[in-house]
Amino acid sequence: MKLRIGIPKGSLQEATVALLQQAGLQVYVNSRSYSAATDDPEIECMLIRAQEMARYVEHGALDAGLTGIDWVLESGLDVVTVADLIYAKQSRRKVRWVLAVPQDSPAQCAEDLRGATIATELVNVTAKYFAQRGIDVNVEFSWGATEVKPPTLADAIVEVTETGSSLKANQLRIIDTVLESNTQIIANRNAWAISCKRRKIENFALMLRGAMAAQGRVGLMLNVQVADLQAVLDVLPALNSPTVSTLSDRNWVAVNTIVEESASWEVIPRLKAANAHGIVEYPLNKVVL
């Protein structure tokens, strides 16, 4: 039984395909097609805009898909949340939907925008944000280029940002965070109820989480005399306790561990100074915790 999975088309596409490939699933994207071939005969992929993913998953056209929490909430549709994956277009962190106004606007908080026009793609979430605060505003859907609409076409905007640099470039000032969002794996409830499909979806999520856990980390292995073992262990900032294995020469052991790649620059010289030998740093594709 094949699994139909939606990959977000657009800004998240490149990062998602790279993550899938790191996880071990080769995805072959054709720029002229919305279908993507994989090297797993039991997985079919389609390129779908993140904004529409929950609709096709909820309706059953897709068994599962990757999209943001923001678009799931915006859709209001009923899907299963399988796993959180903290990555975005440029970084491994959450994105924010922020309420922003022109630099010279007198508004300092949401309450200062009573009666204002707010432009955004995230209409339902934005309307709920203001309604919960009892603030009467006019929320208008924006088809894009939202940052350029204030002050002529809107008084304020709710827009997604990773770094805030685009907002600053358009002379906008953030006054509140409406929603934090990250990518999720979501599943159709009927597909989730079928044991073989659920197992495939769970395995898919497991491999993606493993690929994400490996990002920014490297493996280290080395040999050390038993007499110097504690000095070596004191140097290692291990993910978990390092694996220590006895060698054929009982006076020596092998040590294997995982460290942050950024730390290896300082750790390796310190290991050498602690009398470690044969130090090898190697890349990681997946770390399954």
C-alpha atoms as a PDB file:
ATOM      1  CA  MET A   1       0.000   0.000   0.000  1.00  0.00           C
ATOM      2  CA  LYS A   2       1.558   3.252  -1.137  1.00  0.00           C
ATOM      3  CA  LEU A   3       1.903   6.327   1.028  1.00  0.00           C
ATOM      4  CA  ARG A   4       1.029   9.689  -0.557  1.00  0.00           C
ATOM      5  CA  ILE A   5       3.008  12.523   1.011  1.00  0.00           C
ATOM      6  CA  GLY A   6       2.807  16.251   0.325  1.00  0.00           C
ATOM      7  CA  ILE A   7       6.007  18.301   0.145  1.00  0.00           C
ATOM      8  CA  PRO A   8       5.599  22.074   0.562  1.00  0.00           C
ATOM      9  CA  LYS A   9       6.129  23.849  -2.740  1.00  0.00           C
ATOM     10  CA  GLY A  10       7.751  27.262  -2.581  1.00  0.00           C
ATOM     11  CA  SER A  11      10.024  28.717   0.093  1.00  0.00           C
ATOM     12  CA  LEU A  12      10.260  25.484   2.133  1.00  0.00           C
ATOM     13  CA  GLN A  13      10.720  23.165  -0.844  1.00  0.00           C
ATOM     14  CA  GLU A  14      14.511  23.224  -1.069  1.00  0.00           C
ATOM     15  CA  ALA A  15      15.032  22.805   2.686  1.00  0.00           C
ATOM     16  CA  THR A  16      12.469  19.974   2.821  1.00  0.00           C
ATOM     17  CA  VAL A  17      13.947  18.028  -0.104  1.00  0.00           C
ATOM     18  CA  ALA A  18      17.431  18.400   1.416  1.00  0.00           C
ATOM     19  CA  LEU A  19      16.129  17.080   4.755  1.00  0.00           C
ATOM     20  CA  LEU A  20      14.446  14.115   3.067  1.00  0.00           C
ATOM     21  CA  GLN A  21      17.647  13.271   1.234  1.00  0.00           C
ATOM     22  CA  GLN A  22      19.667  13.477   4.438  1.00  0.00           C
ATOM     23  CA  ALA A  23      17.132  11.122   6.013  1.00  0.00           C
ATOM     24  CA  GLY A  24      17.807   8.635   3.196  1.00  0.00           C
ATOM     25  CA  LEU A  25      14.842   9.263   0.887  1.00  0.00           C
ATOM     26  CA  GLN A  26      15.976  10.519  -2.501  1.00  0.00           C
ATOM     27  CA  VAL A  27      13.387  12.849  -4.015  1.00  0.00           C
ATOM     28  CA  TYR A  28      13.557  13.781  -7.687  1.00  0.00           C
ATOM     29  CA  VAL A  29      11.763  17.041  -8.399  1.00  0.00           C
ATOM     30  CA  ASN A  30      10.778  18.083 -11.904  1.00  0.00           C
ATOM     31  CA  SER A  31      10.281  21.836 -12.203  1.00  0.00           C
ATOM     32  CA  ARG A  32       7.509  21.230 -14.759  1.00  0.00           C
ATOM     33  CA  SER A  33       5.538  18.780 -12.634  1.00  0.00           C
ATOM     34  CA  TYR A  34       3.767  18.764  -9.274  1.00  0.00           C
ATOM     35  CA  SER A  35       4.712  15.110  -8.779  1.00  0.00           C
ATOM     36  CA  ALA A  36       8.070  14.095  -7.329  1.00  0.00           C
ATOM     37  CA  ALA A  37       9.579  10.645  -7.774  1.00  0.00           C
ATOM     38  CA  THR A  38      11.355   8.885  -4.898  1.00  0.00           C
ATOM     39  CA  ASP A  39      13.633   5.877  -4.653  1.00  0.00           C
ATOM     40  CA  ASP A  40      11.119   4.169  -2.321  1.00  0.00           C
ATOM     41  CA  PRO A  41       8.444   2.357  -4.387  1.00  0.00           C
ATOM     42  CA  GLU A  42       6.011   2.658  -1.463  1.00  0.00           C
ATOM     43  CA  ILE A  43       6.147   6.462  -1.250  1.00  0.00           C
ATOM     44  CA  GLU A  44       4.628   8.922  -3.707  1.00  0.00           C
ATOM     45  CA  CYS A  45       5.229  12.651  -3.309  1.00  0.00           C
ATOM     46  CA  MET A  46       3.360  15.694  -4.540  1.00  0.00           C
ATOM     47  CA  LEU A  47       4.427  19.329  -4.394  1.00  0.00           C
ATOM     48  CA  ILE A  48       1.640  21.317  -2.736  1.00  0.00           C
ATOM     49  CA  ARG A  49       1.685  24.865  -1.397  1.00  0.00           C
ATOM     50  CA  ALA A  50       2.021  24.857   2.391  1.00  0.00           C
ATOM     51  CA  GLN A  51      -1.142  26.988   2.633  1.00  0.00           C
ATOM     52  CA  GLU A  52      -3.200  24.211   0.991  1.00  0.00           C
ATOM     53  CA  MET A  53      -1.558  21.154   2.562  1.00  0.00           C
ATOM     54  CA  ALA A  54      -3.995  20.678   5.447  1.00  0.00           C
ATOM     55  CA  ARG A  55      -6.955  20.748   3.033  1.00  0.00           C
ATOM     56  CA  TYR A  56      -5.628  17.912   0.863  1.00  0.00           C
ATOM     57  CA  VAL A  57      -4.520  15.893   3.890  1.00  0.00           C
ATOM     58  CA  GLU A  58      -7.869  16.348   5.657  1.00  0.00           C
ATOM     59  CA  HIS A  59      -9.805  15.419   2.510  1.00  0.00           C
ATOM     60  CA  GLY A  60      -7.676  12.292   1.968  1.00  0.00           C
ATOM     61  CA  ALA A  61      -6.022  13.251  -1.310  1.00  0.00           C
ATOM     62  CA  LEU A  62      -2.777  12.937   0.666  1.00  0.00           C
ATOM     63  CA  ASP A  63      -2.056  10.517   3.508  1.00  0.00           C
ATOM     64  CA  ALA A  64       0.419  12.910   5.122  1.00  0.00           C
ATOM     65  CA  GLY A  65       2.211  16.157   4.435  1.00  0.00           C
ATOM     66  CA  LEU A  66       4.669  18.708   5.733  1.00  0.00           C
ATOM     67  CA  THR A  67       3.372  22.182   6.459  1.00  0.00           C
ATOM     68  CA  GLY A  68       3.477  24.861   9.123  1.00  0.00           C
ATOM     69  CA  ILE A  69       1.401  25.036  12.276  1.00  0.00           C
ATOM     70  CA  ASP A  70       0.327  28.460  11.014  1.00  0.00           C
ATOM     71  CA  TRP A  71      -1.429  27.069   7.949  1.00  0.00           C
ATOM     72  CA  VAL A  72      -3.026  24.213   9.901  1.00  0.00           C
ATOM     73  CA  LEU A  73      -4.506  26.732  12.348  1.00  0.00           C
ATOM     74  CA  GLU A  74      -5.509  29.054   9.520  1.00  0.00           C
ATOM     75  CA  SER A  75      -7.366  26.248   7.740  1.00  0.00           C
ATOM     76  CA  GLY A  76      -9.230  25.125  10.869  1.00  0.00           C
ATOM     77  CA  LEU A  77      -9.232  21.585   9.467  1.00  0.00           C
ATOM     78  CA  ASP A  78      -9.036  18.332  11.436  1.00  0.00           C
ATOM     79  CA  VAL A  79      -5.724  16.516  10.888  1.00  0.00           C
ATOM     80  CA  VAL A  80      -3.397  14.413  13.043  1.00  0.00           C
ATOM     81  CA  THR A  81      -0.218  16.117  14.254  1.00  0.00           C
ATOM     82  CA  VAL A  82       2.491  13.457  13.887  1.00  0.00           C
ATOM     83  CA  ALA A  83       5.704  15.350  14.668  1.00  0.00           C
ATOM     84  CA  ASP A  84       7.221  18.803  14.997  1.00  0.00           C
ATOM     85  CA  LEU A  85      10.211  19.595  12.783  1.00  0.00           C
ATOM     86  CA  ILE A  86      11.938  22.844  13.713  1.00  0.00           C
ATOM     87  CA  TYR A  87      13.312  24.144  10.438  1.00  0.00           C
ATOM     88  CA  ALA A  88      12.539  27.014   8.101  1.00  0.00           C
ATOM     89  CA  LYS A  89      13.759  28.420   4.789  1.00  0.00           C
ATOM     90  CA  GLN A  90      17.007  29.810   6.177  1.00  0.00           C
ATOM     91  CA  SER A  91      17.508  28.301   9.615  1.00  0.00           C
ATOM     92  CA  ARG A  92      16.741  25.592  12.154  1.00  0.00           C
ATOM     93  CA  ARG A  93      14.411  27.672  14.260  1.00  0.00           C
ATOM     94  CA  LYS A  94      10.775  28.682  14.480  1.00  0.00           C
ATOM     95  CA  VAL A  95       9.336  31.523  12.432  1.00  0.00           C
ATOM     96  CA  ARG A  96       7.132  34.272  13.823  1.00  0.00           C
ATOM     97  CA  TRP A  97       4.020  35.941  12.498  1.00  0.00           C
ATOM     98  CA  VAL A  98       4.410  39.472  13.798  1.00  0.00           C
ATOM     99  CA  LEU A  99       2.240  42.559  13.985  1.00  0.00           C
ATOM    100  CA  ALA A 100       4.205  45.403  12.402  1.00  0.00           C
ATOM    101  CA  VAL A 101       3.555  49.085  11.764  1.00  0.00           C
ATOM    102  CA  PRO A 102       5.483  51.843   9.950  1.00  0.00           C
ATOM    103  CA  GLN A 103       8.471  53.186  11.883  1.00  0.00           C
ATOM    104  CA  ASP A 104       6.751  56.557  12.367  1.00  0.00           C
ATOM    105  CA  SER A 105       3.388  55.104  13.423  1.00  0.00           C
ATOM    106  CA  PRO A 106       2.170  56.243  16.867  1.00  0.00           C
ATOM    107  CA  ALA A 107       0.959  52.672  17.592  1.00  0.00           C
ATOM    108  CA  GLN A 108       2.972  50.934  20.328  1.00  0.00           C
ATOM    109  CA  CYS A 109       0.726  47.926  20.936  1.00  0.00           C
ATOM    110  CA  ALA A 110      -2.236  46.086  19.405  1.00  0.00           C
ATOM    111  CA  GLU A 111      -4.732  48.146  21.394  1.00  0.00           C
ATOM    112  CA  ASP A 112      -3.523  51.279  19.595  1.00  0.00           C
ATOM    113  CA  LEU A 113      -4.821  49.857  16.299  1.00  0.00           C
ATOM    114  CA  ARG A 114      -8.571  50.020  17.021  1.00  0.00           C
ATOM    115  CA  GLY A 115     -10.418  50.695  13.761  1.00  0.00           C
ATOM    116  CA  ALA A 116      -7.257  50.093  11.712  1.00  0.00           C
ATOM    117  CA  THR A 117      -6.883  48.034   8.526  1.00  0.00           C
ATOM    118  CA  ILE A 118      -4.546  45.046   8.900  1.00  0.00           C
ATOM    119  CA  ALA A 119      -3.180  43.314   5.776  1.00  0.00           C
ATOM    120  CA  THR A 120      -2.078  39.677   6.016  1.00  0.00           C
ATOM    121  CA  GLU A 121      -2.173  36.258   4.390  1.00  0.00           C
ATOM    122  CA  LEU A 122      -3.066  34.755   7.776  1.00  0.00           C
ATOM    123  CA  VAL A 123      -6.563  36.217   7.964  1.00  0.00           C
ATOM    124  CA  ASN A 124      -8.331  33.809  10.346  1.00  0.00           C
ATOM    125  CA  VAL A 125      -5.510  33.624  12.881  1.00  0.00           C
ATOM    126  CA  THR A 126      -5.108  37.406  12.798  1.00  0.00           C
ATOM    127  CA  ALA A 127      -8.839  38.036  13.229  1.00  0.00           C
ATOM    128  CA  LYS A 128      -8.874  35.659  16.205  1.00  0.00           C
ATOM    129  CA  TYR A 129      -5.852  37.406  17.740  1.00  0.00           C
ATOM    130  CA  PHE A 130      -7.630  40.778  17.728  1.00  0.00           C
ATOM    131  CA  ALA A 131     -11.024  39.330  18.709  1.00  0.00           C
ATOM    132  CA  GLN A 132      -9.536  37.664  21.811  1.00  0.00           C
ATOM    133  CA  ARG A 133      -8.287  41.093  22.874  1.00  0.00           C
ATOM    134  CA  GLY A 134     -11.588  42.815  22.132  1.00  0.00           C
ATOM    135  CA  ILE A 135      -9.978  45.052  19.497  1.00  0.00           C
ATOM    136  CA  ASP A 136     -12.162  45.986  16.518  1.00  0.00           C
ATOM    137  CA  VAL A 137     -10.077  46.053  13.306  1.00  0.00           C
ATOM    138  CA  ASN A 138     -10.552  45.382   9.597  1.00  0.00           C
ATOM    139  CA  VAL A 139      -8.462  42.361   8.541  1.00  0.00           C
ATOM    140  CA  GLU A 140      -7.849  42.178   4.784  1.00  0.00           C
ATOM    141  CA  PHE A 141      -6.318  39.313   2.831  1.00  0.00           C
ATOM    142  CA  SER A 142      -3.011  40.170   1.176  1.00  0.00           C
ATOM    143  CA  TRP A 143      -2.020  38.402  -2.027  1.00  0.00           C
ATOM    144  CA  GLY A 144       1.668  39.140  -1.438  1.00  0.00           C
ATOM    145  CA  ALA A 145       4.173  41.987  -1.095  1.00  0.00           C
ATOM    146  CA  THR A 146       2.518  42.642   2.252  1.00  0.00           C
ATOM    147  CA  GLU A 147       5.487  44.630   3.618  1.00  0.00           C
ATOM    148  CA  VAL A 148       4.971  47.461   1.096  1.00  0.00           C
ATOM    149  CA  LYS A 149       1.296  48.081   1.909  1.00  0.00           C
ATOM    150  CA  PRO A 150       1.639  50.334   4.967  1.00  0.00           C
ATOM    151  CA  PRO A 151       0.880  53.140   5.287  1.00  0.00           C
ATOM    152  CA  THR A 152      -0.984  53.716   1.986  1.00  0.00           C
ATOM    153  CA  LEU A 153      -2.942  50.454   1.646  1.00  0.00           C
ATOM    154  CA  ALA A 154      -2.993  49.321   5.286  1.00  0.00           C
ATOM    155  CA  ASP A 155      -2.272  50.721   8.724  1.00  0.00           C
ATOM    156  CA  ALA A 156      -0.415  47.625   9.866  1.00  0.00           C
ATOM    157  CA  ILE A 157       0.427  44.102   8.729  1.00  0.00           C
ATOM    158  CA  VAL A 158       0.765  40.625  10.174  1.00  0.00           C
ATOM    159  CA  GLU A 159       3.629  38.960   8.346  1.00  0.00           C
ATOM    160  CA  VAL A 160       5.915  35.963   8.797  1.00  0.00           C
ATOM    161  CA  THR A 161       9.585  36.532   9.544  1.00  0.00           C
ATOM    162  CA  GLU A 162      12.702  34.581  10.465  1.00  0.00           C
ATOM    163  CA  THR A 163      15.128  37.424  11.053  1.00  0.00           C
ATOM    164  CA  GLY A 164      13.069  40.608  10.741  1.00  0.00           C
ATOM    165  CA  SER A 165      15.464  41.973   8.116  1.00  0.00           C
ATOM    166  CA  SER A 166      12.813  42.337   5.394  1.00  0.00           C
ATOM    167  CA  LEU A 167      10.554  44.285   7.747  1.00  0.00           C
ATOM    168  CA  LYS A 168      13.367  46.640   8.692  1.00  0.00           C
ATOM    169  CA  ALA A 169      14.248  47.130   5.029  1.00  0.00           C
ATOM    170  CA  ASN A 170      10.675  48.288   4.451  1.00  0.00           C
ATOM    171  CA  GLN A 171      10.774  50.695   7.398  1.00  0.00           C
ATOM    172  CA  LEU A 172       8.453  48.600   9.548  1.00  0.00           C
ATOM    173  CA  ARG A 173       8.554  48.113  13.319  1.00  0.00           C
ATOM    174  CA  ILE A 174       7.376  44.980  15.162  1.00  0.00           C
ATOM    175  CA  ILE A 175       4.986  45.668  18.046  1.00  0.00           C
ATOM    176  CA  ASP A 176       3.857  42.122  18.904  1.00  0.00           C
ATOM    177  CA  THR A 177       4.152  38.444  18.003  1.00  0.00           C
ATOM    178  CA  VAL A 178       0.845  36.979  16.856  1.00  0.00           C
ATOM    179  CA  LEU A 179       1.995  33.382  16.427  1.00  0.00           C
ATOM    180  CA  GLU A 180       5.138  31.253  16.513  1.00  0.00           C
ATOM    181  CA  SER A 181       5.179  28.504  13.918  1.00  0.00           C
ATOM    182  CA  ASN A 182       7.270  25.572  12.763  1.00  0.00           C
ATOM    183  CA  THR A 183       6.964  22.782  10.251  1.00  0.00           C
ATOM    184  CA  GLN A 184       4.904  19.754  11.211  1.00  0.00           C
ATOM    185  CA  ILE A 185       4.190  16.348   9.729  1.00  0.00           C
ATOM    186  CA  ILE A 186       0.412  16.021   9.607  1.00  0.00           C
ATOM    187  CA  ALA A 187      -1.655  12.989   8.653  1.00  0.00           C
ATOM    188  CA  ASN A 188      -5.144  12.181   7.436  1.00  0.00           C
ATOM    189  CA  ARG A 189      -7.216  10.612  10.234  1.00  0.00           C
ATOM    190  CA  ASN A 190      -8.420   7.686   8.101  1.00  0.00           C
ATOM    191  CA  ALA A 191      -4.877   6.903   6.918  1.00  0.00           C
ATOM    192  CA  TRP A 192      -3.651   7.145  10.519  1.00  0.00           C
ATOM    193  CA  ALA A 193      -6.254   4.542  11.539  1.00  0.00           C
ATOM    194  CA  ILE A 194      -4.869   1.995   9.030  1.00  0.00           C
ATOM    195  CA  SER A 195      -2.066   0.182  10.846  1.00  0.00           C
ATOM    196  CA  CYS A 196       0.254  -0.314   7.857  1.00  0.00           C
ATOM    197  CA  LYS A 197      -0.066   3.327   6.772  1.00  0.00           C
ATOM    198  CA  ARG A 198       0.361   4.577  10.310  1.00  0.00           C
ATOM    199  CA  ARG A 199       3.557   2.540  10.667  1.00  0.00           C
ATOM    200  CA  LYS A 200       4.925   3.999   7.425  1.00  0.00           C
ATOM    201  CA  ILE A 201       4.056   7.531   8.519  1.00  0.00           C
ATOM    202  CA  GLU A 202       5.668   6.975  11.926  1.00  0.00           C
ATOM    203  CA  ASN A 203       8.811   5.566  10.278  1.00  0.00           C
ATOM    204  CA  PHE A 204       8.871   8.538   7.913  1.00  0.00           C
ATOM    205  CA  ALA A 205       8.700  10.894  10.911  1.00  0.00           C
ATOM    206  CA  LEU A 206      11.360   8.911  12.776  1.00  0.00           C
ATOM    207  CA  MET A 207      13.844   9.235   9.926  1.00  0.00           C
ATOM    208  CA  LEU A 208      13.205  12.956   9.475  1.00  0.00           C
ATOM    209  CA  ARG A 209      13.628  13.600  13.198  1.00  0.00           C
ATOM    210  CA  GLY A 210      16.853  11.606  13.080  1.00  0.00           C
ATOM    211  CA  ALA A 211      18.139  13.703  10.175  1.00  0.00           C
ATOM    212  CA  MET A 212      17.304  16.900  12.036  1.00  0.00           C
ATOM    213  CA  ALA A 213      18.996  15.671  15.216  1.00  0.00           C
ATOM    214  CA  ALA A 214      22.173  15.046  13.193  1.00  0.00           C
ATOM    215  CA  GLN A 215      22.342  18.572  11.792  1.00  0.00           C
ATOM    216  CA  GLY A 216      25.187  20.558  13.308  1.00  0.00           C
ATOM    217  CA  ARG A 217      26.665  17.479  14.984  1.00  0.00           C
ATOM    218  CA  VAL A 218      29.579  15.187  14.172  1.00  0.00           C
ATOM    219  CA  GLY A 219      30.807  11.862  15.452  1.00  0.00           C
ATOM    220  CA  LEU A 220      34.175  11.443  17.138  1.00  0.00           C
ATOM    221  CA  MET A 221      36.023   8.201  17.660  1.00  0.00           C
ATOM    222  CA  LEU A 222      39.436   7.695  19.198  1.00  0.00           C
ATOM    223  CA  ASN A 223      41.676   5.287  21.074  1.00  0.00           C
ATOM    224  CA  VAL A 224      43.156   5.949  24.494  1.00  0.00           C
ATOM    225  CA  GLN A 225      45.046   4.053  27.154  1.00  0.00           C
ATOM    226  CA  VAL A 226      42.932   3.025  30.140  1.00  0.00           C
ATOM    227  CA  ALA A 227      45.139   5.119  32.414  1.00  0.00           C
ATOM    228  CA  ASP A 228      44.216   8.258  30.422  1.00  0.00           C
ATOM    229  CA  LEU A 229      40.518   7.449  29.889  1.00  0.00           C
ATOM    230  CA  GLN A 230      39.111   9.718  32.577  1.00  0.00           C
ATOM    231  CA  ALA A 231      41.104  12.699  31.307  1.00  0.00           C
ATOM    232  CA  VAL A 232      39.623  12.129  27.829  1.00  0.00           C
ATOM    233  CA  LEU A 233      36.079  11.728  29.160  1.00  0.00           C
ATOM    234  CA  ASP A 234      36.420  14.988  31.068  1.00  0.00           C
ATOM    235  CA  VAL A 235      37.036  16.758  27.734  1.00  0.00           C
ATOM    236  CA  LEU A 236      34.047  15.350  25.857  1.00  0.00           C
ATOM    237  CA  PRO A 237      30.744  17.303  25.819  1.00  0.00           C
ATOM    238  CA  ALA A 238      28.809  14.185  24.885  1.00  0.00           C
ATOM    239  CA  LEU A 239      25.241  13.995  23.576  1.00  0.00           C
ATOM    240  CA  ASN A 240      24.884  11.040  25.939  1.00  0.00           C
ATOM    241  CA  SER A 241      27.500   9.044  27.800  1.00  0.00           C
ATOM    242  CA  PRO A 242      30.276   8.112  25.330  1.00  0.00           C
ATOM    243  CA  THR A 243      30.548   4.503  24.222  1.00  0.00           C
ATOM    244  CA  VAL A 244      33.721   2.931  25.586  1.00  0.00           C
ATOM    245  CA  SER A 245      34.827  -0.414  24.097  1.00  0.00           C
ATOM    246  CA  THR A 246      37.701  -2.651  25.113  1.00  0.00           C
ATOM    247  CA  LEU A 247      40.330  -3.327  22.427  1.00  0.00           C
ATOM    248  CA  SER A 248      42.384  -6.485  21.875  1.00  0.00           C
ATOM    249  CA  ASP A 249      45.116  -4.832  23.914  1.00  0.00           C
ATOM    250  CA  ARG A 250      43.426  -4.587  27.321  1.00  0.00           C
ATOM    251  CA  ASN A 251      45.461  -1.502  28.171  1.00  0.00           C
ATOM    252  CA  TRP A 252      43.585   0.448  25.466  1.00  0.00           C
ATOM    253  CA  VAL A 253      39.938   1.319  24.842  1.00  0.00           C
ATOM    254  CA  ALA A 254      38.014   2.870  21.944  1.00  0.00           C
ATOM    255  CA  VAL A 255      35.753   5.849  22.629  1.00  0.00           C
ATOM    256  CA  ASN A 256      32.887   6.869  20.353  1.00  0.00           C
ATOM    257  CA  THR A 257      30.643   9.887  20.908  1.00  0.00           C
ATOM    258  CA  ILE A 258      28.709  12.739  19.284  1.00  0.00           C
ATOM    259  CA  VAL A 259      29.513  16.428  19.725  1.00  0.00           C
ATOM    260  CA  GLU A 260      28.340  19.721  18.287  1.00  0.00           C
ATOM    261  CA  GLU A 261      30.331  20.420  15.136  1.00  0.00           C
ATOM    262  CA  SER A 262      31.111  23.932  16.360  1.00  0.00           C
ATOM    263  CA  ALA A 263      32.759  22.440  19.469  1.00  0.00           C
ATOM    264  CA  SER A 264      35.082  20.046  17.632  1.00  0.00           C
ATOM    265  CA  TRP A 265      37.530  22.856  16.765  1.00  0.00           C
ATOM    266  CA  GLU A 266      38.390  23.197  20.451  1.00  0.00           C
ATOM    267  CA  VAL A 267      37.687  19.641  21.600  1.00  0.00           C
ATOM    268  CA  ILE A 268      40.043  17.763  19.263  1.00  0.00           C
ATOM    269  CA  PRO A 269      43.247  19.591  20.368  1.00  0.00           C
ATOM    270  CA  ARG A 270      42.216  19.052  23.994  1.00  0.00           C
ATOM    271  CA  LEU A 271      41.692  15.344  23.335  1.00  0.00           C
ATOM    272  CA  LYS A 272      45.143  15.133  21.794  1.00  0.00           C
ATOM    273  CA  ALA A 273      46.584  16.886  24.835  1.00  0.00           C
ATOM    274  CA  ALA A 274      44.814  14.293  27.025  1.00  0.00           C
ATOM    275  CA  ASN A 275      46.740  11.544  25.175  1.00  0.00           C
ATOM    276  CA  ALA A 276      43.974  10.429  22.820  1.00  0.00           C
ATOM    277  CA  HIS A 277      45.214   8.683  19.652  1.00  0.00           C
ATOM    278  CA  GLY A 278      43.755   8.030  16.204  1.00  0.00           C
ATOM    279  CA  ILE A 279      41.108  10.744  16.537  1.00  0.00           C
ATOM    280  CA  VAL A 280      38.596  10.602  13.676  1.00  0.00           C
ATOM    281  CA  GLU A 281      35.799  13.113  13.070  1.00  0.00           C
ATOM    282  CA  TYR A 282      33.019  11.884  10.773  1.00  0.00           C
ATOM    283  CA  PRO A 283      29.752  13.390   9.465  1.00  0.00           C
ATOM    284  CA  LEU A 284      26.339  12.181  10.630  1.00  0.00           C
ATOM    285  CA  ASN A 285      23.247  11.694   8.512  1.00  0.00           C
ATOM    286  CA  LYS A 286      20.882  10.656  11.284  1.00  0.00           C
ATOM    287  CA  VAL A 287      20.848  10.541  15.064  1.00  0.00           C
ATOM    288  CA  VAL A 288      17.865   8.525  16.341  1.00  0.00           C
ATOM    289  CA  LEU A 289      17.412   9.212  20.029  1.00  0.00           C
END
